């Protein structure tokens, strides 16, 4: 066991810092683990590590701030860096939300390799993990799901595959699924689902799928210019839609935007140069992994109209300086800054 691994395990025993699920309506952080962080914690436990207290923080938290506030602890899947960093105060940060890329051993060639894969690699993916059937495939699945590298059409049939079932599984169940020689495209029959006690889960996930496609079908279509001189087609929805981005990509859209004031997000299935240009037009939010623009740290100044215009690059999309959220040339809120 090398020195870096020893420091990772020691930090984990002192405590774990992870991002919670941010609720854009309440502006609160819920104590909910996403798949990447949950698998990372489980890998530590498989390794025999006595994991310390888990603390949930805002997903937009920065590594330097977390290291100062929680000295000596292990920061997982949050912090805004790529890779693994060990600090002088014995804190360790493992993340994949920076602007660069990482290329750890065993990486299947993807940029921004997920936290669970990085951790598995440092803990010895090539040797001891083979003793636990299903672990390698489970970590690969977490990576693929976290970086939008799933087979085409996966969401539509997700009520019967690991993509949908994993929403209701913990890491142990995901590993057990792959240990039975299942894969990403394995479709479970009614009898298999019943045997596993997943009949109700099937119904719940199918409702999610149907609802997401219904919203996509009714959503406003928008276009933005691409660097190739073509148009990128996307949709804008109001409110949170579970699986919305998956449904949009499956229907052939190039991006998916959700307006959830006081927050919003614009998602692309993969990093693109147009993401930065779109963020500049929006004038808010930050680019994450080159494929997402997220505004959830300060309340947005946009209305739905100015949000759509900013994405498209049409009209007077810049919000007025009076912070009304209206386009600056048409706002009449009474501020001397108004148009």
C-alpha atoms as a PDB file:
ATOM      1  CA  UNK A   1       0.000   0.000   0.000  1.00  0.00           C
ATOM      2  CA  UNK A   2       1.599   3.258  -1.125  1.00  0.00           C
ATOM      3  CA  UNK A   3       1.831   6.459   0.903  1.00  0.00           C
ATOM      4  CA  UNK A   4      -1.004   8.202  -0.928  1.00  0.00           C
ATOM      5  CA  UNK A   5      -3.397   5.307  -0.258  1.00  0.00           C
ATOM      6  CA  UNK A   6      -2.460   5.313   3.430  1.00  0.00           C
ATOM      7  CA  UNK A   7      -3.285   9.036   3.605  1.00  0.00           C
ATOM      8  CA  UNK A   8      -6.629   8.506   1.844  1.00  0.00           C
ATOM      9  CA  UNK A   9      -7.674   5.802   4.318  1.00  0.00           C
ATOM     10  CA  UNK A  10      -6.484   7.846   7.308  1.00  0.00           C
ATOM     11  CA  UNK A  11      -8.463  10.882   6.153  1.00  0.00           C
ATOM     12  CA  UNK A  12     -11.565   8.718   5.590  1.00  0.00           C
ATOM     13  CA  UNK A  13     -11.414   7.509   9.184  1.00  0.00           C
ATOM     14  CA  UNK A  14     -11.399  11.105  10.416  1.00  0.00           C
ATOM     15  CA  UNK A  15     -14.466  12.008   8.377  1.00  0.00           C
ATOM     16  CA  UNK A  16     -16.023  12.186   4.906  1.00  0.00           C
ATOM     17  CA  UNK A  17     -17.157  15.385   3.165  1.00  0.00           C
ATOM     18  CA  UNK A  18     -19.555  14.940   0.217  1.00  0.00           C
ATOM     19  CA  UNK A  19     -21.969  17.131  -1.716  1.00  0.00           C
ATOM     20  CA  UNK A  20     -25.616  16.812  -0.834  1.00  0.00           C
ATOM     21  CA  UNK A  21     -28.508  17.163  -3.259  1.00  0.00           C
ATOM     22  CA  UNK A  22     -29.208  20.835  -3.841  1.00  0.00           C
ATOM     23  CA  UNK A  23     -32.899  21.772  -3.890  1.00  0.00           C
ATOM     24  CA  UNK A  24     -33.294  24.812  -6.159  1.00  0.00           C
ATOM     25  CA  UNK A  25     -36.685  25.693  -4.717  1.00  0.00           C
ATOM     26  CA  UNK A  26     -35.690  25.773  -1.056  1.00  0.00           C
ATOM     27  CA  UNK A  27     -32.027  26.683  -1.700  1.00  0.00           C
ATOM     28  CA  UNK A  28     -31.166  23.987   0.849  1.00  0.00           C
ATOM     29  CA  UNK A  29     -28.775  21.035   0.677  1.00  0.00           C
ATOM     30  CA  UNK A  30     -30.449  17.703   1.396  1.00  0.00           C
ATOM     31  CA  UNK A  31     -28.425  14.881   2.967  1.00  0.00           C
ATOM     32  CA  UNK A  32     -28.633  12.600  -0.069  1.00  0.00           C
ATOM     33  CA  UNK A  33     -25.711  10.746  -1.676  1.00  0.00           C
ATOM     34  CA  UNK A  34     -25.501  10.513  -5.452  1.00  0.00           C
ATOM     35  CA  UNK A  35     -24.371   7.261  -7.076  1.00  0.00           C
ATOM     36  CA  UNK A  36     -20.717   8.241  -7.425  1.00  0.00           C
ATOM     37  CA  UNK A  37     -20.294   9.278  -3.789  1.00  0.00           C
ATOM     38  CA  UNK A  38     -22.302   6.302  -2.491  1.00  0.00           C
ATOM     39  CA  UNK A  39     -20.149   3.840  -4.432  1.00  0.00           C
ATOM     40  CA  UNK A  40     -16.985   5.601  -3.237  1.00  0.00           C
ATOM     41  CA  UNK A  41     -17.998   5.176   0.407  1.00  0.00           C
ATOM     42  CA  UNK A  42     -18.831   1.516  -0.193  1.00  0.00           C
ATOM     43  CA  UNK A  43     -15.429   0.884  -1.785  1.00  0.00           C
ATOM     44  CA  UNK A  44     -13.747   2.253   1.324  1.00  0.00           C
ATOM     45  CA  UNK A  45     -15.799  -0.107   3.485  1.00  0.00           C
ATOM     46  CA  UNK A  46     -14.934  -3.082   1.252  1.00  0.00           C
ATOM     47  CA  UNK A  47     -11.301  -2.139   1.779  1.00  0.00           C
ATOM     48  CA  UNK A  48     -11.913  -2.474   5.525  1.00  0.00           C
ATOM     49  CA  UNK A  49     -11.744   1.240   6.291  1.00  0.00           C
ATOM     50  CA  UNK A  50     -13.653   2.468   9.336  1.00  0.00           C
ATOM     51  CA  UNK A  51     -15.279   5.474   7.719  1.00  0.00           C
ATOM     52  CA  UNK A  52     -15.822   8.501   9.948  1.00  0.00           C
ATOM     53  CA  UNK A  53     -18.805  10.847  10.124  1.00  0.00           C
ATOM     54  CA  UNK A  54     -20.255  11.920   6.766  1.00  0.00           C
ATOM     55  CA  UNK A  55     -20.914  15.651   6.324  1.00  0.00           C
ATOM     56  CA  UNK A  56     -23.006  16.977   3.422  1.00  0.00           C
ATOM     57  CA  UNK A  57     -22.046  20.316   1.838  1.00  0.00           C
ATOM     58  CA  UNK A  58     -23.196  22.498  -1.053  1.00  0.00           C
ATOM     59  CA  UNK A  59     -22.261  20.899  -4.421  1.00  0.00           C
ATOM     60  CA  UNK A  60     -20.643  24.177  -5.477  1.00  0.00           C
ATOM     61  CA  UNK A  61     -18.187  24.179  -2.558  1.00  0.00           C
ATOM     62  CA  UNK A  62     -14.519  24.745  -3.369  1.00  0.00           C
ATOM     63  CA  UNK A  63     -11.691  22.466  -2.298  1.00  0.00           C
ATOM     64  CA  UNK A  64      -9.640  25.114  -0.482  1.00  0.00           C
ATOM     65  CA  UNK A  65     -12.640  26.211   1.586  1.00  0.00           C
ATOM     66  CA  UNK A  66     -13.542  22.628   2.505  1.00  0.00           C
ATOM     67  CA  UNK A  67      -9.979  21.772   3.488  1.00  0.00           C
ATOM     68  CA  UNK A  68      -9.870  24.772   5.827  1.00  0.00           C
ATOM     69  CA  UNK A  69     -13.276  24.048   7.369  1.00  0.00           C
ATOM     70  CA  UNK A  70     -12.812  20.275   7.696  1.00  0.00           C
ATOM     71  CA  UNK A  71      -9.063  19.732   8.219  1.00  0.00           C
ATOM     72  CA  UNK A  72      -7.710  16.223   7.919  1.00  0.00           C
ATOM     73  CA  UNK A  73     -10.827  14.711   6.342  1.00  0.00           C
ATOM     74  CA  UNK A  74     -11.530  13.033   2.990  1.00  0.00           C
ATOM     75  CA  UNK A  75     -13.437  15.236   0.526  1.00  0.00           C
ATOM     76  CA  UNK A  76     -15.216  13.112  -2.104  1.00  0.00           C
ATOM     77  CA  UNK A  77     -16.876  14.193  -5.355  1.00  0.00           C
ATOM     78  CA  UNK A  78     -16.927  17.902  -4.468  1.00  0.00           C
ATOM     79  CA  UNK A  79     -14.355  20.678  -4.573  1.00  0.00           C
ATOM     80  CA  UNK A  80     -13.893  21.749  -8.167  1.00  0.00           C
ATOM     81  CA  UNK A  81     -10.661  19.904  -8.953  1.00  0.00           C
ATOM     82  CA  UNK A  82      -9.683  16.991 -11.194  1.00  0.00           C
ATOM     83  CA  UNK A  83      -7.869  14.085  -9.613  1.00  0.00           C
ATOM     84  CA  UNK A  84      -6.477  13.515  -6.125  1.00  0.00           C
ATOM     85  CA  UNK A  85      -4.829  16.183  -3.994  1.00  0.00           C
ATOM     86  CA  UNK A  86      -3.215  15.676  -0.583  1.00  0.00           C
ATOM     87  CA  UNK A  87      -2.932  18.803   1.583  1.00  0.00           C
ATOM     88  CA  UNK A  88      -0.458  19.787   4.288  1.00  0.00           C
ATOM     89  CA  UNK A  89      -3.141  19.459   6.980  1.00  0.00           C
ATOM     90  CA  UNK A  90      -3.673  15.785   5.963  1.00  0.00           C
ATOM     91  CA  UNK A  91      -6.913  16.508   4.096  1.00  0.00           C
ATOM     92  CA  UNK A  92      -7.391  14.614   0.844  1.00  0.00           C
ATOM     93  CA  UNK A  93      -9.658  15.716  -2.019  1.00  0.00           C
ATOM     94  CA  UNK A  94     -10.809  13.322  -4.768  1.00  0.00           C
ATOM     95  CA  UNK A  95     -13.010  14.955  -7.382  1.00  0.00           C
ATOM     96  CA  UNK A  96     -13.713  15.304 -11.117  1.00  0.00           C
ATOM     97  CA  UNK A  97     -15.461  18.672 -11.395  1.00  0.00           C
ATOM     98  CA  UNK A  98     -12.552  20.831 -12.489  1.00  0.00           C
ATOM     99  CA  UNK A  99     -11.876  22.364 -15.864  1.00  0.00           C
ATOM    100  CA  UNK A 100      -9.014  20.031 -16.749  1.00  0.00           C
ATOM    101  CA  UNK A 101      -8.989  16.294 -17.324  1.00  0.00           C
ATOM    102  CA  UNK A 102      -7.574  13.326 -15.506  1.00  0.00           C
ATOM    103  CA  UNK A 103      -6.060  10.118 -16.761  1.00  0.00           C
ATOM    104  CA  UNK A 104      -5.694   7.633 -13.948  1.00  0.00           C
ATOM    105  CA  UNK A 105      -4.484   4.116 -14.638  1.00  0.00           C
ATOM    106  CA  UNK A 106      -7.348   1.926 -15.736  1.00  0.00           C
ATOM    107  CA  UNK A 107      -9.337   4.859 -17.093  1.00  0.00           C
ATOM    108  CA  UNK A 108     -11.207   3.727 -20.231  1.00  0.00           C
ATOM    109  CA  UNK A 109     -10.117   6.896 -22.017  1.00  0.00           C
ATOM    110  CA  UNK A 110     -12.683   9.326 -20.642  1.00  0.00           C
ATOM    111  CA  UNK A 111     -11.961  12.782 -19.362  1.00  0.00           C
ATOM    112  CA  UNK A 112     -13.057  13.775 -15.870  1.00  0.00           C
ATOM    113  CA  UNK A 113     -13.011  10.193 -14.618  1.00  0.00           C
ATOM    114  CA  UNK A 114     -15.543   9.716 -11.822  1.00  0.00           C
ATOM    115  CA  UNK A 115     -14.559   9.770  -8.151  1.00  0.00           C
ATOM    116  CA  UNK A 116     -15.391   6.097  -7.514  1.00  0.00           C
ATOM    117  CA  UNK A 117     -13.117   4.983 -10.370  1.00  0.00           C
ATOM    118  CA  UNK A 118     -10.249   7.137  -9.112  1.00  0.00           C
ATOM    119  CA  UNK A 119     -10.673   5.773  -5.604  1.00  0.00           C
ATOM    120  CA  UNK A 120     -10.936   2.169  -6.804  1.00  0.00           C
ATOM    121  CA  UNK A 121      -7.749   2.621  -8.786  1.00  0.00           C
ATOM    122  CA  UNK A 122      -5.828   4.000  -5.809  1.00  0.00           C
ATOM    123  CA  UNK A 123      -7.112   1.211  -3.575  1.00  0.00           C
ATOM    124  CA  UNK A 124      -5.872  -1.453  -6.005  1.00  0.00           C
ATOM    125  CA  UNK A 125      -8.461  -2.076  -8.714  1.00  0.00           C
ATOM    126  CA  UNK A 126      -6.146  -4.435 -10.627  1.00  0.00           C
ATOM    127  CA  UNK A 127      -5.764  -6.988  -7.813  1.00  0.00           C
ATOM    128  CA  UNK A 128      -7.942  -7.208  -4.692  1.00  0.00           C
ATOM    129  CA  UNK A 129     -11.125  -6.009  -6.400  1.00  0.00           C
ATOM    130  CA  UNK A 130     -11.164  -9.161  -8.541  1.00  0.00           C
ATOM    131  CA  UNK A 131     -11.914 -11.027  -5.321  1.00  0.00           C
ATOM    132  CA  UNK A 132     -15.281  -9.243  -5.098  1.00  0.00           C
ATOM    133  CA  UNK A 133     -17.368 -10.269  -8.147  1.00  0.00           C
ATOM    134  CA  UNK A 134     -19.133  -7.416  -9.900  1.00  0.00           C
ATOM    135  CA  UNK A 135     -17.102  -4.540  -8.438  1.00  0.00           C
ATOM    136  CA  UNK A 136     -15.214  -3.601 -11.590  1.00  0.00           C
ATOM    137  CA  UNK A 137     -18.368  -3.598 -13.754  1.00  0.00           C
ATOM    138  CA  UNK A 138     -20.244  -1.678 -11.056  1.00  0.00           C
ATOM    139  CA  UNK A 139     -17.584   1.050 -10.944  1.00  0.00           C
ATOM    140  CA  UNK A 140     -17.575   1.187 -14.749  1.00  0.00           C
ATOM    141  CA  UNK A 141     -21.362   1.659 -14.678  1.00  0.00           C
ATOM    142  CA  UNK A 142     -21.097   4.492 -12.141  1.00  0.00           C
ATOM    143  CA  UNK A 143     -18.525   6.158 -14.392  1.00  0.00           C
ATOM    144  CA  UNK A 144     -20.657   5.738 -17.531  1.00  0.00           C
ATOM    145  CA  UNK A 145     -23.809   7.026 -15.819  1.00  0.00           C
ATOM    146  CA  UNK A 146     -21.976   9.983 -14.255  1.00  0.00           C
ATOM    147  CA  UNK A 147     -20.385  11.036 -17.552  1.00  0.00           C
ATOM    148  CA  UNK A 148     -23.311  10.383 -19.936  1.00  0.00           C
ATOM    149  CA  UNK A 149     -21.655   7.422 -21.635  1.00  0.00           C
ATOM    150  CA  UNK A 150     -24.661   5.101 -21.659  1.00  0.00           C
ATOM    151  CA  UNK A 151     -25.933   3.087 -24.645  1.00  0.00           C
ATOM    152  CA  UNK A 152     -28.353   4.878 -26.962  1.00  0.00           C
ATOM    153  CA  UNK A 153     -31.947   4.250 -25.919  1.00  0.00           C
ATOM    154  CA  UNK A 154     -31.055   3.322 -22.343  1.00  0.00           C
ATOM    155  CA  UNK A 155     -33.506   5.681 -20.679  1.00  0.00           C
ATOM    156  CA  UNK A 156     -36.547   4.504 -22.610  1.00  0.00           C
ATOM    157  CA  UNK A 157     -36.165   0.955 -21.337  1.00  0.00           C
ATOM    158  CA  UNK A 158     -34.686   1.892 -17.953  1.00  0.00           C
ATOM    159  CA  UNK A 159     -37.621   0.480 -15.964  1.00  0.00           C
ATOM    160  CA  UNK A 160     -36.153  -2.956 -16.702  1.00  0.00           C
ATOM    161  CA  UNK A 161     -32.409  -2.193 -16.759  1.00  0.00           C
ATOM    162  CA  UNK A 162     -29.738  -1.167 -14.267  1.00  0.00           C
ATOM    163  CA  UNK A 163     -30.031   2.474 -15.358  1.00  0.00           C
ATOM    164  CA  UNK A 164     -33.489   2.774 -13.828  1.00  0.00           C
ATOM    165  CA  UNK A 165     -33.164   0.112 -11.154  1.00  0.00           C
ATOM    166  CA  UNK A 166     -30.030   1.744  -9.726  1.00  0.00           C
ATOM    167  CA  UNK A 167     -32.188   4.690  -8.625  1.00  0.00           C
ATOM    168  CA  UNK A 168     -33.606   2.325  -6.004  1.00  0.00           C
ATOM    169  CA  UNK A 169     -30.447   0.266  -5.373  1.00  0.00           C
ATOM    170  CA  UNK A 170     -27.579   0.831  -3.001  1.00  0.00           C
ATOM    171  CA  UNK A 171     -23.964   0.054  -4.013  1.00  0.00           C
ATOM    172  CA  UNK A 172     -24.197  -3.529  -2.738  1.00  0.00           C
ATOM    173  CA  UNK A 173     -27.214  -4.260  -4.940  1.00  0.00           C
ATOM    174  CA  UNK A 174     -25.521  -2.694  -7.966  1.00  0.00           C
ATOM    175  CA  UNK A 175     -22.447  -4.873  -7.429  1.00  0.00           C
ATOM    176  CA  UNK A 176     -24.646  -7.962  -6.951  1.00  0.00           C
ATOM    177  CA  UNK A 177     -26.452  -7.177 -10.223  1.00  0.00           C
ATOM    178  CA  UNK A 178     -23.212  -7.193 -12.200  1.00  0.00           C
ATOM    179  CA  UNK A 179     -21.869 -10.188 -10.284  1.00  0.00           C
ATOM    180  CA  UNK A 180     -24.609 -12.259 -11.997  1.00  0.00           C
ATOM    181  CA  UNK A 181     -23.052 -11.503 -15.419  1.00  0.00           C
ATOM    182  CA  UNK A 182     -25.622  -8.799 -16.191  1.00  0.00           C
ATOM    183  CA  UNK A 183     -24.578  -5.705 -18.123  1.00  0.00           C
ATOM    184  CA  UNK A 184     -25.858  -2.232 -18.991  1.00  0.00           C
ATOM    185  CA  UNK A 185     -28.267  -3.557 -21.608  1.00  0.00           C
ATOM    186  CA  UNK A 186     -29.602  -6.544 -19.685  1.00  0.00           C
ATOM    187  CA  UNK A 187     -33.416  -6.280 -19.734  1.00  0.00           C
ATOM    188  CA  UNK A 188     -35.109  -8.078 -16.851  1.00  0.00           C
ATOM    189  CA  UNK A 189     -38.326  -9.996 -17.479  1.00  0.00           C
ATOM    190  CA  UNK A 190     -41.482  -9.725 -15.384  1.00  0.00           C
ATOM    191  CA  UNK A 191     -40.612 -12.963 -13.606  1.00  0.00           C
ATOM    192  CA  UNK A 192     -37.061 -11.781 -12.835  1.00  0.00           C
ATOM    193  CA  UNK A 193     -38.342  -8.469 -11.499  1.00  0.00           C
ATOM    194  CA  UNK A 194     -40.922 -10.255  -9.387  1.00  0.00           C
ATOM    195  CA  UNK A 195     -38.286 -12.661  -8.051  1.00  0.00           C
ATOM    196  CA  UNK A 196     -36.133  -9.688  -7.034  1.00  0.00           C
ATOM    197  CA  UNK A 197     -39.089  -7.881  -5.484  1.00  0.00           C
ATOM    198  CA  UNK A 198     -38.886  -5.088  -8.053  1.00  0.00           C
ATOM    199  CA  UNK A 199     -42.377  -5.117  -9.523  1.00  0.00           C
ATOM    200  CA  UNK A 200     -43.334  -1.856  -7.806  1.00  0.00           C
ATOM    201  CA  UNK A 201     -39.975  -0.347  -8.729  1.00  0.00           C
ATOM    202  CA  UNK A 202     -40.726  -1.168 -12.374  1.00  0.00           C
ATOM    203  CA  UNK A 203     -43.995   0.756 -12.134  1.00  0.00           C
ATOM    204  CA  UNK A 204     -42.371   3.769 -10.457  1.00  0.00           C
ATOM    205  CA  UNK A 205     -39.533   3.988 -12.980  1.00  0.00           C
ATOM    206  CA  UNK A 206     -41.880   3.559 -15.937  1.00  0.00           C
ATOM    207  CA  UNK A 207     -43.949   6.471 -14.631  1.00  0.00           C
ATOM    208  CA  UNK A 208     -40.762   8.561 -14.463  1.00  0.00           C
ATOM    209  CA  UNK A 209     -39.862   7.606 -18.040  1.00  0.00           C
ATOM    210  CA  UNK A 210     -43.347   8.364 -19.375  1.00  0.00           C
ATOM    211  CA  UNK A 211     -43.499  11.704 -17.556  1.00  0.00           C
ATOM    212  CA  UNK A 212     -40.055  12.779 -18.787  1.00  0.00           C
ATOM    213  CA  UNK A 213     -40.852  12.026 -22.426  1.00  0.00           C
ATOM    214  CA  UNK A 214     -44.200  13.835 -22.101  1.00  0.00           C
ATOM    215  CA  UNK A 215     -42.444  16.966 -20.806  1.00  0.00           C
ATOM    216  CA  UNK A 216     -39.833  16.774 -23.568  1.00  0.00           C
ATOM    217  CA  UNK A 217     -42.544  16.459 -26.201  1.00  0.00           C
ATOM    218  CA  UNK A 218     -44.307  19.597 -24.932  1.00  0.00           C
ATOM    219  CA  UNK A 219     -41.195  21.672 -24.147  1.00  0.00           C
ATOM    220  CA  UNK A 220     -39.993  24.781 -25.943  1.00  0.00           C
ATOM    221  CA  UNK A 221     -37.371  24.042 -28.597  1.00  0.00           C
ATOM    222  CA  UNK A 222     -34.394  26.395 -28.889  1.00  0.00           C
ATOM    223  CA  UNK A 223     -31.300  26.612 -31.065  1.00  0.00           C
ATOM    224  CA  UNK A 224     -27.802  27.956 -30.603  1.00  0.00           C
ATOM    225  CA  UNK A 225     -25.067  28.395 -33.208  1.00  0.00           C
ATOM    226  CA  UNK A 226     -22.311  25.785 -33.262  1.00  0.00           C
ATOM    227  CA  UNK A 227     -18.672  26.302 -34.157  1.00  0.00           C
ATOM    228  CA  UNK A 228     -19.247  24.275 -37.326  1.00  0.00           C
ATOM    229  CA  UNK A 229     -21.744  26.836 -38.619  1.00  0.00           C
ATOM    230  CA  UNK A 230     -24.711  24.582 -37.879  1.00  0.00           C
ATOM    231  CA  UNK A 231     -27.363  24.820 -35.177  1.00  0.00           C
ATOM    232  CA  UNK A 232     -27.441  22.885 -31.932  1.00  0.00           C
ATOM    233  CA  UNK A 233     -31.013  21.991 -31.020  1.00  0.00           C
ATOM    234  CA  UNK A 234     -32.219  21.784 -27.452  1.00  0.00           C
ATOM    235  CA  UNK A 235     -35.180  22.279 -25.189  1.00  0.00           C
ATOM    236  CA  UNK A 236     -35.999  24.430 -22.170  1.00  0.00           C
ATOM    237  CA  UNK A 237     -38.290  23.172 -19.411  1.00  0.00           C
ATOM    238  CA  UNK A 238     -39.644  24.874 -16.308  1.00  0.00           C
ATOM    239  CA  UNK A 239     -39.132  23.002 -13.060  1.00  0.00           C
ATOM    240  CA  UNK A 240     -37.274  19.818 -12.190  1.00  0.00           C
ATOM    241  CA  UNK A 241     -37.908  16.787 -14.375  1.00  0.00           C
ATOM    242  CA  UNK A 242     -36.429  13.483 -13.219  1.00  0.00           C
ATOM    243  CA  UNK A 243     -34.524  11.987 -16.136  1.00  0.00           C
ATOM    244  CA  UNK A 244     -35.240  15.025 -18.290  1.00  0.00           C
ATOM    245  CA  UNK A 245     -31.774  15.278 -19.806  1.00  0.00           C
ATOM    246  CA  UNK A 246     -31.673  11.536 -20.578  1.00  0.00           C
ATOM    247  CA  UNK A 247     -35.043  11.786 -22.320  1.00  0.00           C
ATOM    248  CA  UNK A 248     -33.910  14.837 -24.311  1.00  0.00           C
ATOM    249  CA  UNK A 249     -30.721  13.178 -25.537  1.00  0.00           C
ATOM    250  CA  UNK A 250     -32.658  10.050 -26.470  1.00  0.00           C
ATOM    251  CA  UNK A 251     -34.962  12.178 -28.597  1.00  0.00           C
ATOM    252  CA  UNK A 252     -31.955  13.556 -30.460  1.00  0.00           C
ATOM    253  CA  UNK A 253     -31.540  16.946 -28.777  1.00  0.00           C
ATOM    254  CA  UNK A 254     -28.052  18.401 -28.361  1.00  0.00           C
ATOM    255  CA  UNK A 255     -28.693  20.027 -24.984  1.00  0.00           C
ATOM    256  CA  UNK A 256     -31.239  20.279 -22.191  1.00  0.00           C
ATOM    257  CA  UNK A 257     -31.983  23.357 -20.070  1.00  0.00           C
ATOM    258  CA  UNK A 258     -34.104  23.546 -16.928  1.00  0.00           C
ATOM    259  CA  UNK A 259     -35.244  26.834 -15.416  1.00  0.00           C
ATOM    260  CA  UNK A 260     -35.917  26.395 -11.693  1.00  0.00           C
ATOM    261  CA  UNK A 261     -35.734  29.876 -10.164  1.00  0.00           C
ATOM    262  CA  UNK A 262     -33.858  30.951  -8.190  1.00  0.00           C
ATOM    263  CA  UNK A 263     -31.612  28.405  -9.976  1.00  0.00           C
ATOM    264  CA  UNK A 264     -31.143  26.935 -13.438  1.00  0.00           C
ATOM    265  CA  UNK A 265     -28.986  24.457 -15.375  1.00  0.00           C
ATOM    266  CA  UNK A 266     -27.984  23.844 -18.985  1.00  0.00           C
ATOM    267  CA  UNK A 267     -26.695  20.340 -19.761  1.00  0.00           C
ATOM    268  CA  UNK A 268     -24.854  18.939 -22.776  1.00  0.00           C
ATOM    269  CA  UNK A 269     -24.138  15.180 -23.085  1.00  0.00           C
ATOM    270  CA  UNK A 270     -20.420  15.847 -23.605  1.00  0.00           C
ATOM    271  CA  UNK A 271     -17.962  18.773 -23.356  1.00  0.00           C
ATOM    272  CA  UNK A 272     -18.301  21.294 -26.190  1.00  0.00           C
ATOM    273  CA  UNK A 273     -16.728  24.666 -26.953  1.00  0.00           C
ATOM    274  CA  UNK A 274     -20.228  26.155 -27.262  1.00  0.00           C
ATOM    275  CA  UNK A 275     -20.776  25.642 -23.525  1.00  0.00           C
ATOM    276  CA  UNK A 276     -18.450  28.505 -22.619  1.00  0.00           C
ATOM    277  CA  UNK A 277     -20.054  30.838 -25.170  1.00  0.00           C
ATOM    278  CA  UNK A 278     -23.500  30.005 -23.807  1.00  0.00           C
ATOM    279  CA  UNK A 279     -22.372  30.732 -20.245  1.00  0.00           C
ATOM    280  CA  UNK A 280     -21.034  34.118 -21.306  1.00  0.00           C
ATOM    281  CA  UNK A 281     -24.376  35.041 -22.847  1.00  0.00           C
ATOM    282  CA  UNK A 282     -26.191  33.940 -19.715  1.00  0.00           C
ATOM    283  CA  UNK A 283     -23.863  36.045 -17.587  1.00  0.00           C
ATOM    284  CA  UNK A 284     -24.358  33.743 -14.596  1.00  0.00           C
ATOM    285  CA  UNK A 285     -23.482  30.265 -13.402  1.00  0.00           C
ATOM    286  CA  UNK A 286     -20.301  28.315 -13.851  1.00  0.00           C
ATOM    287  CA  UNK A 287     -19.127  25.687 -16.301  1.00  0.00           C
ATOM    288  CA  UNK A 288     -18.718  22.200 -14.838  1.00  0.00           C
ATOM    289  CA  UNK A 289     -16.701  19.476 -16.596  1.00  0.00           C
ATOM    290  CA  UNK A 290     -17.050  21.400 -19.855  1.00  0.00           C
ATOM    291  CA  UNK A 291     -20.568  20.055 -20.380  1.00  0.00           C
ATOM    292  CA  UNK A 292     -22.802  21.771 -17.831  1.00  0.00           C
ATOM    293  CA  UNK A 293     -23.604  25.331 -16.823  1.00  0.00           C
ATOM    294  CA  UNK A 294     -25.036  25.522 -13.316  1.00  0.00           C
ATOM    295  CA  UNK A 295     -26.418  28.517 -11.427  1.00  0.00           C
ATOM    296  CA  UNK A 296     -27.173  27.495  -7.859  1.00  0.00           C
ATOM    297  CA  UNK A 297     -24.887  29.544  -5.635  1.00  0.00           C
ATOM    298  CA  UNK A 298     -26.638  32.896  -5.959  1.00  0.00           C
ATOM    299  CA  UNK A 299     -30.246  33.607  -7.032  1.00  0.00           C
ATOM    300  CA  UNK A 300     -30.606  34.042 -10.781  1.00  0.00           C
ATOM    301  CA  UNK A 301     -31.414  37.450 -12.230  1.00  0.00           C
ATOM    302  CA  UNK A 302     -33.091  35.862 -15.248  1.00  0.00           C
ATOM    303  CA  UNK A 303     -36.756  35.481 -16.036  1.00  0.00           C
ATOM    304  CA  UNK A 304     -37.757  32.547 -18.233  1.00  0.00           C
ATOM    305  CA  UNK A 305     -37.855  34.901 -21.231  1.00  0.00           C
ATOM    306  CA  UNK A 306     -34.373  36.340 -20.702  1.00  0.00           C
ATOM    307  CA  UNK A 307     -33.047  32.839 -19.906  1.00  0.00           C
ATOM    308  CA  UNK A 308     -34.264  31.509 -23.259  1.00  0.00           C
ATOM    309  CA  UNK A 309     -33.013  34.573 -25.132  1.00  0.00           C
ATOM    310  CA  UNK A 310     -29.583  34.263 -23.529  1.00  0.00           C
ATOM    311  CA  UNK A 311     -29.300  30.620 -24.542  1.00  0.00           C
ATOM    312  CA  UNK A 312     -30.320  31.402 -28.102  1.00  0.00           C
ATOM    313  CA  UNK A 313     -28.318  34.614 -28.327  1.00  0.00           C
ATOM    314  CA  UNK A 314     -31.413  36.443 -29.574  1.00  0.00           C
ATOM    315  CA  UNK A 315     -33.042  39.656 -28.390  1.00  0.00           C
ATOM    316  CA  UNK A 316     -32.003  41.814 -25.459  1.00  0.00           C
ATOM    317  CA  UNK A 317     -31.132  38.951 -23.190  1.00  0.00           C
ATOM    318  CA  UNK A 318     -28.815  40.635 -20.684  1.00  0.00           C
ATOM    319  CA  UNK A 319     -30.627  41.064 -17.306  1.00  0.00           C
ATOM    320  CA  UNK A 320     -31.103  44.631 -16.115  1.00  0.00           C
ATOM    321  CA  UNK A 321     -28.675  45.904 -13.476  1.00  0.00           C
ATOM    322  CA  UNK A 322     -31.630  46.643 -11.170  1.00  0.00           C
ATOM    323  CA  UNK A 323     -31.779  42.853 -10.583  1.00  0.00           C
ATOM    324  CA  UNK A 324     -35.433  42.577 -11.640  1.00  0.00           C
ATOM    325  CA  UNK A 325     -34.457  39.811 -14.028  1.00  0.00           C
ATOM    326  CA  UNK A 326     -36.007  41.653 -17.000  1.00  0.00           C
ATOM    327  CA  UNK A 327     -33.970  42.367 -20.159  1.00  0.00           C
ATOM    328  CA  UNK A 328     -32.156  45.659 -19.644  1.00  0.00           C
ATOM    329  CA  UNK A 329     -33.656  47.473 -22.652  1.00  0.00           C
ATOM    330  CA  UNK A 330     -37.272  46.836 -21.630  1.00  0.00           C
ATOM    331  CA  UNK A 331     -37.146  46.927 -17.818  1.00  0.00           C
ATOM    332  CA  UNK A 332     -39.089  49.802 -16.216  1.00  0.00           C
ATOM    333  CA  UNK A 333     -38.775  48.926 -12.550  1.00  0.00           C
ATOM    334  CA  UNK A 334     -37.806  52.473 -11.647  1.00  0.00           C
ATOM    335  CA  UNK A 335     -34.069  52.048 -11.249  1.00  0.00           C
ATOM    336  CA  UNK A 336     -31.815  54.581 -13.004  1.00  0.00           C
ATOM    337  CA  UNK A 337     -30.138  51.545 -14.572  1.00  0.00           C
ATOM    338  CA  UNK A 338     -33.340  50.537 -16.381  1.00  0.00           C
ATOM    339  CA  UNK A 339     -33.709  50.997 -20.107  1.00  0.00           C
END
